[in-house]
């Protein structure tokens, strides 16, 4: 982050040592040293106070850090989306493979277990959809761009929004057809 360099630059331009500056900001000299060496980040109250002391806007004080903060927030969102999407994908594959064995071996109890599993998977699907909505991504192209840390252009975004309803319907039909095919395959193999 750039804030440490910026604090040191502004402090030294006024001829203050760390102790003098620490007194002005109501913190210890060690805290100032930690800020300047990027070992810790000032809280919002300290940032506002520094903005007043240095007579600079808050934007000017943290200007280099805003870009870094946005990158960190974006990368955290991407990690969370990847995690939940991968869990959902694995659960979906398992959900396609387990219905026949469950019903075959456990009869009606297997069907109950299968339905409970799909309810849990549905909750997980809502979580993934909420993340997609938060980040305004729905189509495959939008998701790929998001995971790569990119954004689509305005025209591409409009074109992708037009595809959203159709892709969801096709995915649902495809998933149902795949599940039916796997069930029939198991039925033919295991009788």
N, C-alpha and C. Protein backbone atom coordinates (compact mmCIF):
# COMPACT_ATOMS: atom_id res chain seq x y z
N UNK A 1 0.83 -1.18 0.00
CA UNK A 1 0.00 0.00 0.00
C UNK A 1 0.88 1.24 0.00
N UNK A 2 0.31 2.33 -0.45
CA UNK A 2 1.04 3.59 -0.61
C UNK A 2 0.90 4.51 0.60
N UNK A 3 -0.02 4.23 1.49
CA UNK A 3 -0.31 5.17 2.58
C UNK A 3 0.90 5.44 3.46
N UNK A 4 1.70 4.42 3.71
CA UNK A 4 2.89 4.61 4.55
C UNK A 4 3.85 5.62 3.96
N UNK A 5 4.11 5.51 2.68
CA UNK A 5 5.00 6.46 1.99
C UNK A 5 4.40 7.86 2.02
N UNK A 6 3.08 7.92 1.82
CA UNK A 6 2.40 9.22 1.79
C UNK A 6 2.47 9.90 3.16
N UNK A 7 2.25 9.15 4.24
CA UNK A 7 2.32 9.73 5.59
C UNK A 7 3.73 10.25 5.86
N UNK A 8 4.72 9.44 5.54
CA UNK A 8 6.11 9.84 5.79
C UNK A 8 6.46 11.09 4.97
N UNK A 9 6.03 11.12 3.73
CA UNK A 9 6.30 12.27 2.85
C UNK A 9 5.69 13.54 3.43
N UNK A 10 4.43 13.47 3.84
CA UNK A 10 3.75 14.65 4.38
C UNK A 10 4.34 15.05 5.74
N UNK A 11 4.69 14.08 6.56
CA UNK A 11 5.27 14.36 7.88
C UNK A 11 6.62 15.06 7.74
N UNK A 12 7.49 14.50 6.90
CA UNK A 12 8.84 15.07 6.76
C UNK A 12 8.81 16.42 6.05
N UNK A 13 7.82 16.64 5.16
CA UNK A 13 7.72 17.94 4.48
C UNK A 13 7.40 19.06 5.47
N UNK A 14 6.83 18.70 6.60
CA UNK A 14 6.53 19.69 7.64
C UNK A 14 7.61 19.75 8.70
N UNK A 15 8.64 18.93 8.55
CA UNK A 15 9.76 18.94 9.48
C UNK A 15 9.47 18.27 10.82
N UNK A 16 8.47 17.40 10.86
CA UNK A 16 8.12 16.72 12.10
C UNK A 16 8.81 15.36 12.16
N UNK A 17 9.30 15.01 13.36
CA UNK A 17 9.78 13.64 13.53
C UNK A 17 8.57 12.78 13.91
N UNK A 18 8.80 11.48 14.06
CA UNK A 18 7.68 10.57 14.35
C UNK A 18 7.03 10.88 15.70
N UNK A 19 7.81 11.29 16.67
CA UNK A 19 7.24 11.59 18.00
C UNK A 19 6.31 12.78 17.95
N UNK A 20 6.72 13.85 17.28
CA UNK A 20 5.88 15.05 17.17
C UNK A 20 4.57 14.70 16.44
N UNK A 21 4.71 13.97 15.35
CA UNK A 21 3.52 13.58 14.58
C UNK A 21 2.63 12.66 15.42
N UNK A 22 3.23 11.76 16.19
CA UNK A 22 2.45 10.85 17.04
C UNK A 22 1.61 11.64 18.05
N UNK A 23 2.20 12.68 18.62
CA UNK A 23 1.45 13.51 19.57
C UNK A 23 0.27 14.19 18.89
N UNK A 24 0.48 14.66 17.67
CA UNK A 24 -0.57 15.37 16.95
C UNK A 24 -1.73 14.44 16.57
N UNK A 25 -1.42 13.16 16.38
CA UNK A 25 -2.46 12.20 15.97
C UNK A 25 -2.94 11.32 17.12
N UNK A 26 -2.42 11.59 18.32
CA UNK A 26 -2.85 10.87 19.54
C UNK A 26 -2.57 9.36 19.47
N UNK A 27 -1.41 9.02 18.91
CA UNK A 27 -0.98 7.62 18.87
C UNK A 27 0.47 7.56 19.35
N UNK A 28 0.99 6.35 19.47
CA UNK A 28 2.39 6.20 19.89
C UNK A 28 3.33 6.36 18.69
N UNK A 29 4.60 6.60 18.97
CA UNK A 29 5.61 6.69 17.92
C UNK A 29 5.70 5.37 17.18
N UNK A 30 5.53 4.24 17.90
CA UNK A 30 5.59 2.92 17.28
C UNK A 30 4.45 2.73 16.27
N UNK A 31 3.30 3.30 16.58
CA UNK A 31 2.17 3.21 15.66
C UNK A 31 2.48 3.97 14.38
N UNK A 32 3.06 5.16 14.52
CA UNK A 32 3.45 5.94 13.33
C UNK A 32 4.47 5.16 12.51
N UNK A 33 5.44 4.55 13.19
CA UNK A 33 6.45 3.75 12.50
C UNK A 33 5.80 2.58 11.75
N UNK A 34 4.83 1.93 12.40
CA UNK A 34 4.14 0.81 11.76
C UNK A 34 3.37 1.27 10.53
N UNK A 35 2.74 2.45 10.61
CA UNK A 35 2.04 2.98 9.45
C UNK A 35 3.01 3.24 8.30
N UNK A 36 4.11 3.91 8.63
CA UNK A 36 5.06 4.31 7.59
C UNK A 36 5.79 3.12 6.97
N UNK A 37 5.90 2.02 7.70
CA UNK A 37 6.54 0.82 7.17
C UNK A 37 5.54 -0.21 6.65
N UNK A 38 4.29 0.23 6.50
CA UNK A 38 3.22 -0.62 5.98
C UNK A 38 3.01 -1.90 6.78
N UNK A 39 3.23 -1.81 8.08
CA UNK A 39 2.98 -2.97 8.95
C UNK A 39 1.56 -2.93 9.50
N UNK A 40 0.97 -1.75 9.50
CA UNK A 40 -0.44 -1.62 9.88
C UNK A 40 -1.03 -0.46 9.10
N UNK A 41 -2.35 -0.40 9.11
CA UNK A 41 -3.05 0.64 8.36
C UNK A 41 -3.83 1.50 9.35
N UNK A 42 -3.78 2.82 9.18
CA UNK A 42 -4.51 3.70 10.11
C UNK A 42 -6.01 3.47 10.03
N UNK A 43 -6.68 3.60 11.19
CA UNK A 43 -8.13 3.49 11.17
C UNK A 43 -8.72 4.76 10.57
N UNK A 44 -10.01 4.76 10.36
CA UNK A 44 -10.66 5.88 9.68
C UNK A 44 -10.55 7.18 10.48
N UNK A 45 -10.62 7.10 11.82
CA UNK A 45 -10.49 8.31 12.64
C UNK A 45 -9.11 8.93 12.46
N UNK A 46 -8.09 8.08 12.45
CA UNK A 46 -6.72 8.58 12.26
C UNK A 46 -6.55 9.18 10.88
N UNK A 47 -7.14 8.54 9.87
CA UNK A 47 -7.04 9.08 8.51
C UNK A 47 -7.69 10.45 8.41
N UNK A 48 -8.86 10.60 9.03
CA UNK A 48 -9.54 11.90 9.00
C UNK A 48 -8.74 12.96 9.73
N UNK A 49 -8.15 12.59 10.87
CA UNK A 49 -7.32 13.52 11.63
C UNK A 49 -6.08 13.92 10.83
N UNK A 50 -5.43 12.96 10.19
CA UNK A 50 -4.26 13.26 9.37
C UNK A 50 -4.64 14.18 8.22
N UNK A 51 -5.81 13.95 7.63
CA UNK A 51 -6.27 14.79 6.54
C UNK A 51 -6.35 16.25 7.00
N UNK A 52 -6.86 16.46 8.22
CA UNK A 52 -6.95 17.82 8.78
C UNK A 52 -5.57 18.37 9.11
N UNK A 53 -4.73 17.57 9.76
CA UNK A 53 -3.40 18.02 10.18
C UNK A 53 -2.55 18.40 8.97
N UNK A 54 -2.58 17.57 7.94
CA UNK A 54 -1.76 17.82 6.75
C UNK A 54 -2.42 18.80 5.78
N UNK A 55 -3.70 19.14 6.06
CA UNK A 55 -4.46 20.05 5.20
C UNK A 55 -4.56 19.53 3.77
N UNK A 56 -4.87 18.24 3.65
CA UNK A 56 -5.09 17.61 2.34
C UNK A 56 -6.41 16.87 2.41
N UNK A 57 -7.01 16.63 1.26
CA UNK A 57 -8.26 15.86 1.25
C UNK A 57 -7.96 14.40 1.58
N UNK A 58 -8.95 13.72 2.03
CA UNK A 58 -8.81 12.29 2.33
C UNK A 58 -8.43 11.53 1.06
N UNK A 59 -9.03 11.93 -0.06
CA UNK A 59 -8.69 11.31 -1.35
C UNK A 59 -7.21 11.47 -1.66
N UNK A 60 -6.68 12.68 -1.44
CA UNK A 60 -5.27 12.94 -1.71
C UNK A 60 -4.38 12.13 -0.77
N UNK A 61 -4.83 11.97 0.45
CA UNK A 61 -4.04 11.23 1.44
C UNK A 61 -3.92 9.75 1.07
N UNK A 62 -5.00 9.17 0.60
CA UNK A 62 -5.00 7.72 0.34
C UNK A 62 -5.07 7.39 -1.15
N UNK A 63 -4.77 8.35 -2.01
CA UNK A 63 -4.99 8.19 -3.45
C UNK A 63 -4.44 6.90 -4.04
N UNK A 64 -3.23 6.52 -3.71
CA UNK A 64 -2.66 5.29 -4.26
C UNK A 64 -3.30 4.04 -3.69
N UNK A 65 -3.87 4.16 -2.50
CA UNK A 65 -4.43 3.00 -1.84
C UNK A 65 -5.82 2.64 -2.33
N UNK A 66 -6.54 3.59 -2.89
CA UNK A 66 -7.90 3.31 -3.36
C UNK A 66 -7.85 2.22 -4.43
N UNK A 67 -6.92 2.33 -5.36
CA UNK A 67 -6.78 1.33 -6.42
C UNK A 67 -6.44 -0.02 -5.80
N UNK A 68 -5.51 -0.03 -4.85
CA UNK A 68 -5.13 -1.27 -4.17
C UNK A 68 -6.31 -1.88 -3.41
N UNK A 69 -7.07 -1.04 -2.73
CA UNK A 69 -8.23 -1.53 -1.97
C UNK A 69 -9.26 -2.15 -2.91
N UNK A 70 -9.50 -1.50 -4.06
CA UNK A 70 -10.46 -2.04 -5.03
C UNK A 70 -9.98 -3.39 -5.54
N UNK A 71 -8.67 -3.51 -5.81
CA UNK A 71 -8.12 -4.78 -6.28
C UNK A 71 -8.31 -5.86 -5.22
N UNK A 72 -8.05 -5.52 -3.96
CA UNK A 72 -8.17 -6.49 -2.87
C UNK A 72 -9.62 -6.93 -2.70
N UNK A 73 -10.54 -5.97 -2.75
CA UNK A 73 -11.97 -6.31 -2.63
C UNK A 73 -12.39 -7.19 -3.80
N UNK A 74 -11.95 -6.82 -5.00
CA UNK A 74 -12.30 -7.60 -6.18
C UNK A 74 -11.73 -9.02 -6.09
N UNK A 75 -10.46 -9.14 -5.70
CA UNK A 75 -9.86 -10.48 -5.63
C UNK A 75 -10.53 -11.32 -4.54
N UNK A 76 -10.95 -10.69 -3.45
CA UNK A 76 -11.66 -11.43 -2.40
C UNK A 76 -13.01 -11.92 -2.92
N UNK A 77 -13.72 -11.08 -3.66
CA UNK A 77 -15.00 -11.47 -4.24
C UNK A 77 -14.82 -12.61 -5.23
N UNK A 78 -13.77 -12.54 -6.03
CA UNK A 78 -13.50 -13.59 -7.00
C UNK A 78 -13.21 -14.90 -6.29
N UNK A 79 -12.39 -14.85 -5.23
CA UNK A 79 -12.08 -16.08 -4.46
C UNK A 79 -13.34 -16.69 -3.87
N UNK A 80 -14.20 -15.84 -3.30
CA UNK A 80 -15.44 -16.35 -2.70
C UNK A 80 -16.35 -16.96 -3.77
N UNK A 81 -16.46 -16.28 -4.91
CA UNK A 81 -17.30 -16.80 -5.99
C UNK A 81 -16.76 -18.14 -6.49
N UNK A 82 -15.45 -18.24 -6.68
CA UNK A 82 -14.84 -19.50 -7.13
C UNK A 82 -15.11 -20.62 -6.13
N UNK A 83 -14.93 -20.32 -4.85
CA UNK A 83 -15.12 -21.34 -3.82
C UNK A 83 -16.55 -21.90 -3.86
N UNK A 84 -17.54 -21.01 -3.80
CA UNK A 84 -18.93 -21.47 -3.77
C UNK A 84 -19.34 -22.11 -5.09
N UNK A 85 -18.83 -21.60 -6.19
CA UNK A 85 -19.15 -22.20 -7.49
C UNK A 85 -18.59 -23.61 -7.61
N UNK A 86 -17.36 -23.81 -7.14
CA UNK A 86 -16.76 -25.14 -7.18
C UNK A 86 -17.50 -26.12 -6.28
N UNK A 87 -17.88 -25.66 -5.10
CA UNK A 87 -18.65 -26.53 -4.19
C UNK A 87 -19.98 -26.91 -4.85
N UNK A 88 -20.63 -25.92 -5.46
CA UNK A 88 -21.90 -26.19 -6.12
C UNK A 88 -21.72 -27.16 -7.28
N UNK A 89 -20.70 -26.95 -8.09
CA UNK A 89 -20.45 -27.83 -9.25
C UNK A 89 -20.22 -29.27 -8.80
N UNK A 90 -19.41 -29.45 -7.76
CA UNK A 90 -19.16 -30.81 -7.24
C UNK A 90 -20.46 -31.41 -6.71
N UNK A 91 -21.22 -30.62 -5.98
CA UNK A 91 -22.50 -31.10 -5.46
C UNK A 91 -23.48 -31.46 -6.56
N UNK A 92 -23.47 -30.70 -7.63
CA UNK A 92 -24.36 -30.97 -8.76
C UNK A 92 -24.00 -32.30 -9.42
N UNK A 93 -22.71 -32.52 -9.64
CA UNK A 93 -22.27 -33.78 -10.25
C UNK A 93 -22.67 -34.96 -9.35
N UNK A 94 -22.42 -34.83 -8.06
CA UNK A 94 -22.81 -35.89 -7.12
C UNK A 94 -24.32 -36.09 -7.17
N UNK A 95 -25.06 -34.98 -7.24
CA UNK A 95 -26.52 -35.06 -7.28
C UNK A 95 -27.05 -35.78 -8.51
N UNK A 96 -26.31 -35.73 -9.60
CA UNK A 96 -26.71 -36.45 -10.81
C UNK A 96 -26.40 -37.94 -10.68
N UNK A 97 -25.33 -38.26 -9.98
CA UNK A 97 -24.89 -39.65 -9.90
C UNK A 97 -25.56 -40.48 -8.80
N UNK A 98 -26.06 -39.84 -7.74
CA UNK A 98 -26.54 -40.62 -6.60
C UNK A 98 -28.00 -41.05 -6.58
N UNK A 99 -28.90 -40.52 -7.40
CA UNK A 99 -30.29 -40.90 -7.20
C UNK A 99 -30.58 -42.39 -7.37
N UNK A 100 -30.06 -42.98 -8.42
CA UNK A 100 -30.36 -44.39 -8.64
C UNK A 100 -29.79 -45.27 -7.53
N UNK A 101 -28.49 -45.13 -7.17
CA UNK A 101 -27.96 -45.97 -6.09
C UNK A 101 -28.74 -45.80 -4.77
N UNK A 102 -29.10 -44.55 -4.45
CA UNK A 102 -29.85 -44.32 -3.21
C UNK A 102 -31.20 -45.03 -3.23
N UNK A 103 -31.94 -44.87 -4.32
CA UNK A 103 -33.27 -45.50 -4.43
C UNK A 103 -33.12 -47.02 -4.52
N UNK A 104 -32.14 -47.49 -5.25
CA UNK A 104 -31.93 -48.93 -5.43
C UNK A 104 -31.63 -49.62 -4.10
N UNK A 105 -30.74 -49.03 -3.29
CA UNK A 105 -30.31 -49.68 -2.05
C UNK A 105 -31.18 -49.35 -0.85
N UNK A 106 -31.75 -48.14 -0.80
CA UNK A 106 -32.49 -47.73 0.40
C UNK A 106 -33.99 -47.54 0.15
N UNK A 107 -34.46 -47.82 -1.05
CA UNK A 107 -35.87 -47.71 -1.42
C UNK A 107 -36.41 -46.30 -1.14
N UNK A 108 -37.49 -46.21 -0.37
CA UNK A 108 -38.12 -44.91 -0.11
C UNK A 108 -37.23 -44.01 0.74
N UNK A 109 -36.45 -44.60 1.63
CA UNK A 109 -35.52 -43.78 2.44
C UNK A 109 -34.46 -43.14 1.54
N UNK A 110 -34.05 -43.84 0.53
CA UNK A 110 -33.09 -43.29 -0.42
C UNK A 110 -33.65 -42.09 -1.17
N UNK A 111 -34.94 -42.20 -1.51
CA UNK A 111 -35.60 -41.07 -2.18
C UNK A 111 -35.66 -39.86 -1.25
N UNK A 112 -35.95 -40.09 0.02
CA UNK A 112 -36.00 -39.02 1.01
C UNK A 112 -34.61 -38.37 1.16
N UNK A 113 -33.57 -39.20 1.26
CA UNK A 113 -32.20 -38.69 1.36
C UNK A 113 -31.87 -37.85 0.13
N UNK A 114 -32.25 -38.37 -1.04
CA UNK A 114 -31.99 -37.65 -2.29
C UNK A 114 -32.69 -36.30 -2.31
N UNK A 115 -33.94 -36.25 -1.88
CA UNK A 115 -34.68 -34.98 -1.86
C UNK A 115 -34.05 -33.99 -0.88
N UNK A 116 -33.64 -34.47 0.28
CA UNK A 116 -32.97 -33.59 1.25
C UNK A 116 -31.65 -33.06 0.69
N UNK A 117 -30.94 -33.91 -0.02
CA UNK A 117 -29.69 -33.50 -0.65
C UNK A 117 -29.94 -32.38 -1.65
N UNK A 118 -30.98 -32.52 -2.47
CA UNK A 118 -31.28 -31.50 -3.47
C UNK A 118 -31.78 -30.21 -2.85
N UNK A 119 -32.44 -30.29 -1.71
CA UNK A 119 -32.83 -29.06 -1.01
C UNK A 119 -31.58 -28.31 -0.56
N UNK A 120 -30.61 -29.04 0.01
CA UNK A 120 -29.35 -28.42 0.43
C UNK A 120 -28.62 -27.83 -0.78
N UNK A 121 -28.63 -28.54 -1.89
CA UNK A 121 -27.99 -28.07 -3.11
C UNK A 121 -28.70 -26.83 -3.66
N UNK A 122 -30.00 -26.78 -3.49
CA UNK A 122 -30.78 -25.62 -3.93
C UNK A 122 -30.39 -24.38 -3.12
N UNK A 123 -30.21 -24.56 -1.81
CA UNK A 123 -29.77 -23.45 -0.96
C UNK A 123 -28.40 -22.96 -1.43
N UNK A 124 -27.52 -23.88 -1.74
CA UNK A 124 -26.19 -23.53 -2.25
C UNK A 124 -26.30 -22.80 -3.59
N UNK A 125 -27.22 -23.23 -4.43
CA UNK A 125 -27.42 -22.57 -5.73
C UNK A 125 -27.88 -21.13 -5.53
N UNK A 126 -28.75 -20.90 -4.54
CA UNK A 126 -29.18 -19.53 -4.25
C UNK A 126 -28.01 -18.67 -3.79
N UNK A 127 -27.07 -19.26 -3.04
CA UNK A 127 -25.88 -18.52 -2.60
C UNK A 127 -25.03 -18.11 -3.81
N UNK A 128 -24.83 -19.03 -4.73
CA UNK A 128 -24.05 -18.73 -5.93
C UNK A 128 -24.77 -17.67 -6.77
N UNK A 129 -26.08 -17.79 -6.90
CA UNK A 129 -26.85 -16.79 -7.66
C UNK A 129 -26.77 -15.42 -7.00
N UNK A 130 -26.79 -15.37 -5.67
CA UNK A 130 -26.67 -14.08 -4.97
C UNK A 130 -25.31 -13.44 -5.26
N UNK A 131 -24.24 -14.26 -5.28
CA UNK A 131 -22.91 -13.73 -5.61
C UNK A 131 -22.87 -13.23 -7.04
N UNK A 132 -23.53 -13.95 -7.94
CA UNK A 132 -23.57 -13.52 -9.34
C UNK A 132 -24.32 -12.20 -9.47
N UNK A 133 -25.41 -12.07 -8.72
CA UNK A 133 -26.19 -10.83 -8.78
C UNK A 133 -25.40 -9.67 -8.18
N UNK A 134 -24.71 -9.90 -7.04
CA UNK A 134 -23.89 -8.86 -6.41
C UNK A 134 -22.86 -8.31 -7.37
N UNK A 135 -22.27 -9.18 -8.18
CA UNK A 135 -21.20 -8.78 -9.08
C UNK A 135 -21.68 -8.56 -10.52
N UNK A 136 -23.00 -8.58 -10.72
CA UNK A 136 -23.63 -8.36 -12.02
C UNK A 136 -23.02 -9.24 -13.11
N UNK A 137 -22.97 -10.54 -12.81
CA UNK A 137 -22.49 -11.52 -13.80
C UNK A 137 -23.51 -12.64 -13.87
N UNK A 138 -23.87 -13.04 -15.06
CA UNK A 138 -24.84 -14.12 -15.21
C UNK A 138 -24.46 -15.09 -16.32
N UNK A 139 -24.02 -14.57 -17.45
CA UNK A 139 -23.73 -15.44 -18.57
C UNK A 139 -22.31 -15.97 -18.47
N UNK A 140 -22.06 -17.02 -19.24
CA UNK A 140 -20.74 -17.65 -19.22
C UNK A 140 -19.63 -16.64 -19.55
N UNK A 141 -19.86 -15.82 -20.55
CA UNK A 141 -18.86 -14.84 -20.97
C UNK A 141 -18.58 -13.82 -19.86
N UNK A 142 -19.63 -13.38 -19.18
CA UNK A 142 -19.47 -12.44 -18.07
C UNK A 142 -18.71 -13.08 -16.91
N UNK A 143 -19.01 -14.33 -16.62
CA UNK A 143 -18.35 -15.03 -15.52
C UNK A 143 -16.87 -15.21 -15.82
N UNK A 144 -16.54 -15.61 -17.03
CA UNK A 144 -15.13 -15.79 -17.41
C UNK A 144 -14.38 -14.46 -17.30
N UNK A 145 -14.96 -13.40 -17.80
CA UNK A 145 -14.31 -12.08 -17.72
C UNK A 145 -14.11 -11.68 -16.26
N UNK A 146 -15.11 -11.91 -15.42
CA UNK A 146 -15.04 -11.57 -14.00
C UNK A 146 -13.93 -12.35 -13.31
N UNK A 147 -13.85 -13.65 -13.57
CA UNK A 147 -12.83 -14.48 -12.93
C UNK A 147 -11.43 -14.09 -13.36
N UNK A 148 -11.31 -13.50 -14.54
CA UNK A 148 -10.01 -13.03 -15.02
C UNK A 148 -9.73 -11.60 -14.57
N UNK A 149 -10.67 -10.99 -13.82
CA UNK A 149 -10.48 -9.63 -13.32
C UNK A 149 -10.75 -8.57 -14.37
N UNK A 150 -11.48 -8.93 -15.42
CA UNK A 150 -11.79 -7.98 -16.49
C UNK A 150 -13.27 -7.62 -16.47
N UNK A 151 -13.61 -6.61 -17.25
CA UNK A 151 -15.01 -6.24 -17.43
C UNK A 151 -15.32 -6.22 -18.92
N UNK A 152 -16.54 -6.53 -19.26
CA UNK A 152 -16.96 -6.46 -20.65
C UNK A 152 -17.23 -5.00 -21.02
N UNK A 153 -17.08 -4.70 -22.29
CA UNK A 153 -17.41 -3.37 -22.78
C UNK A 153 -18.92 -3.15 -22.71
N UNK A 154 -19.34 -1.91 -22.89
CA UNK A 154 -20.76 -1.55 -22.78
C UNK A 154 -21.62 -2.35 -23.76
N UNK A 155 -21.18 -2.43 -25.02
CA UNK A 155 -21.95 -3.16 -26.03
C UNK A 155 -22.00 -4.65 -25.72
N UNK A 156 -20.85 -5.21 -25.29
CA UNK A 156 -20.82 -6.64 -24.94
C UNK A 156 -21.74 -6.91 -23.76
N UNK A 157 -21.75 -6.01 -22.78
CA UNK A 157 -22.60 -6.17 -21.60
C UNK A 157 -24.07 -6.21 -21.99
N UNK A 158 -24.47 -5.32 -22.90
CA UNK A 158 -25.87 -5.28 -23.37
C UNK A 158 -26.22 -6.58 -24.08
N UNK A 159 -25.31 -7.06 -24.93
CA UNK A 159 -25.55 -8.31 -25.66
C UNK A 159 -25.67 -9.49 -24.69
N UNK A 160 -24.84 -9.52 -23.66
CA UNK A 160 -24.89 -10.61 -22.69
C UNK A 160 -26.16 -10.56 -21.85
N UNK A 161 -26.63 -9.35 -21.50
CA UNK A 161 -27.87 -9.24 -20.72
C UNK A 161 -29.06 -9.78 -21.51
N UNK A 162 -29.01 -9.63 -22.82
CA UNK A 162 -30.10 -10.16 -23.66
C UNK A 162 -30.11 -11.69 -23.65
N UNK A 163 -28.96 -12.32 -23.43
CA UNK A 163 -28.86 -13.78 -23.42
C UNK A 163 -29.28 -14.41 -22.09
N UNK A 164 -29.27 -13.65 -21.02
CA UNK A 164 -29.46 -14.20 -19.68
C UNK A 164 -30.68 -15.10 -19.52
N UNK A 165 -31.89 -14.65 -19.90
CA UNK A 165 -33.06 -15.52 -19.67
C UNK A 165 -32.96 -16.84 -20.43
N UNK A 166 -32.47 -16.81 -21.65
CA UNK A 166 -32.40 -18.02 -22.47
C UNK A 166 -31.36 -19.00 -21.93
N UNK A 167 -30.23 -18.49 -21.48
CA UNK A 167 -29.19 -19.38 -20.96
C UNK A 167 -29.67 -20.12 -19.72
N UNK A 168 -30.40 -19.45 -18.84
CA UNK A 168 -30.89 -20.11 -17.63
C UNK A 168 -31.86 -21.23 -17.97
N UNK A 169 -32.74 -20.99 -18.91
CA UNK A 169 -33.71 -22.01 -19.32
C UNK A 169 -32.98 -23.20 -19.95
N UNK A 170 -32.05 -22.91 -20.85
CA UNK A 170 -31.30 -23.99 -21.51
C UNK A 170 -30.47 -24.78 -20.50
N UNK A 171 -29.88 -24.11 -19.53
CA UNK A 171 -29.11 -24.82 -18.50
C UNK A 171 -30.01 -25.73 -17.67
N UNK A 172 -31.19 -25.26 -17.32
CA UNK A 172 -32.12 -26.08 -16.54
C UNK A 172 -32.57 -27.30 -17.33
N UNK A 173 -32.91 -27.10 -18.60
CA UNK A 173 -33.32 -28.22 -19.45
C UNK A 173 -32.17 -29.20 -19.62
N UNK A 174 -30.98 -28.68 -19.87
CA UNK A 174 -29.80 -29.54 -20.04
C UNK A 174 -29.49 -30.34 -18.79
N UNK A 175 -29.59 -29.70 -17.62
CA UNK A 175 -29.32 -30.41 -16.37
C UNK A 175 -30.34 -31.52 -16.14
N UNK A 176 -31.61 -31.23 -16.42
CA UNK A 176 -32.65 -32.25 -16.27
C UNK A 176 -32.45 -33.41 -17.23
N UNK A 177 -32.09 -33.11 -18.46
CA UNK A 177 -31.85 -34.16 -19.46
C UNK A 177 -30.64 -35.01 -19.07
N UNK A 178 -29.60 -34.37 -18.57
CA UNK A 178 -28.41 -35.11 -18.13
C UNK A 178 -28.74 -36.03 -16.96
N UNK A 179 -29.49 -35.52 -15.99
CA UNK A 179 -29.88 -36.34 -14.84
C UNK A 179 -30.73 -37.53 -15.29
N UNK A 180 -31.66 -37.32 -16.21
CA UNK A 180 -32.50 -38.39 -16.73
C UNK A 180 -31.65 -39.42 -17.47
N UNK A 181 -30.70 -38.96 -18.28
CA UNK A 181 -29.83 -39.88 -19.03
C UNK A 181 -28.99 -40.74 -18.08
N UNK A 182 -28.46 -40.13 -17.03
CA UNK A 182 -27.66 -40.89 -16.06
C UNK A 182 -28.55 -41.91 -15.35
N UNK A 183 -29.77 -41.51 -14.98
CA UNK A 183 -30.69 -42.43 -14.31
C UNK A 183 -31.01 -43.62 -15.21
N UNK A 184 -31.30 -43.34 -16.47
CA UNK A 184 -31.62 -44.43 -17.42
C UNK A 184 -30.41 -45.33 -17.62
N UNK A 185 -29.23 -44.74 -17.73
CA UNK A 185 -28.00 -45.51 -17.88
C UNK A 185 -27.79 -46.46 -16.68
N UNK A 186 -27.94 -45.93 -15.48
CA UNK A 186 -27.82 -46.78 -14.28
C UNK A 186 -28.87 -47.89 -14.29
N UNK A 187 -30.07 -47.52 -14.71
CA UNK A 187 -31.17 -48.50 -14.74
C UNK A 187 -30.84 -49.64 -15.72
N UNK A 188 -30.28 -49.30 -16.88
CA UNK A 188 -29.92 -50.31 -17.87
C UNK A 188 -28.75 -51.19 -17.38
N UNK A 189 -27.79 -50.56 -16.72
CA UNK A 189 -26.60 -51.31 -16.26
C UNK A 189 -26.92 -52.19 -15.06
N UNK A 190 -27.61 -51.63 -14.08
CA UNK A 190 -27.83 -52.35 -12.81
C UNK A 190 -29.22 -52.98 -12.69
N UNK A 191 -30.04 -52.75 -13.68
CA UNK A 191 -31.36 -53.39 -13.70
C UNK A 191 -32.29 -52.83 -12.75
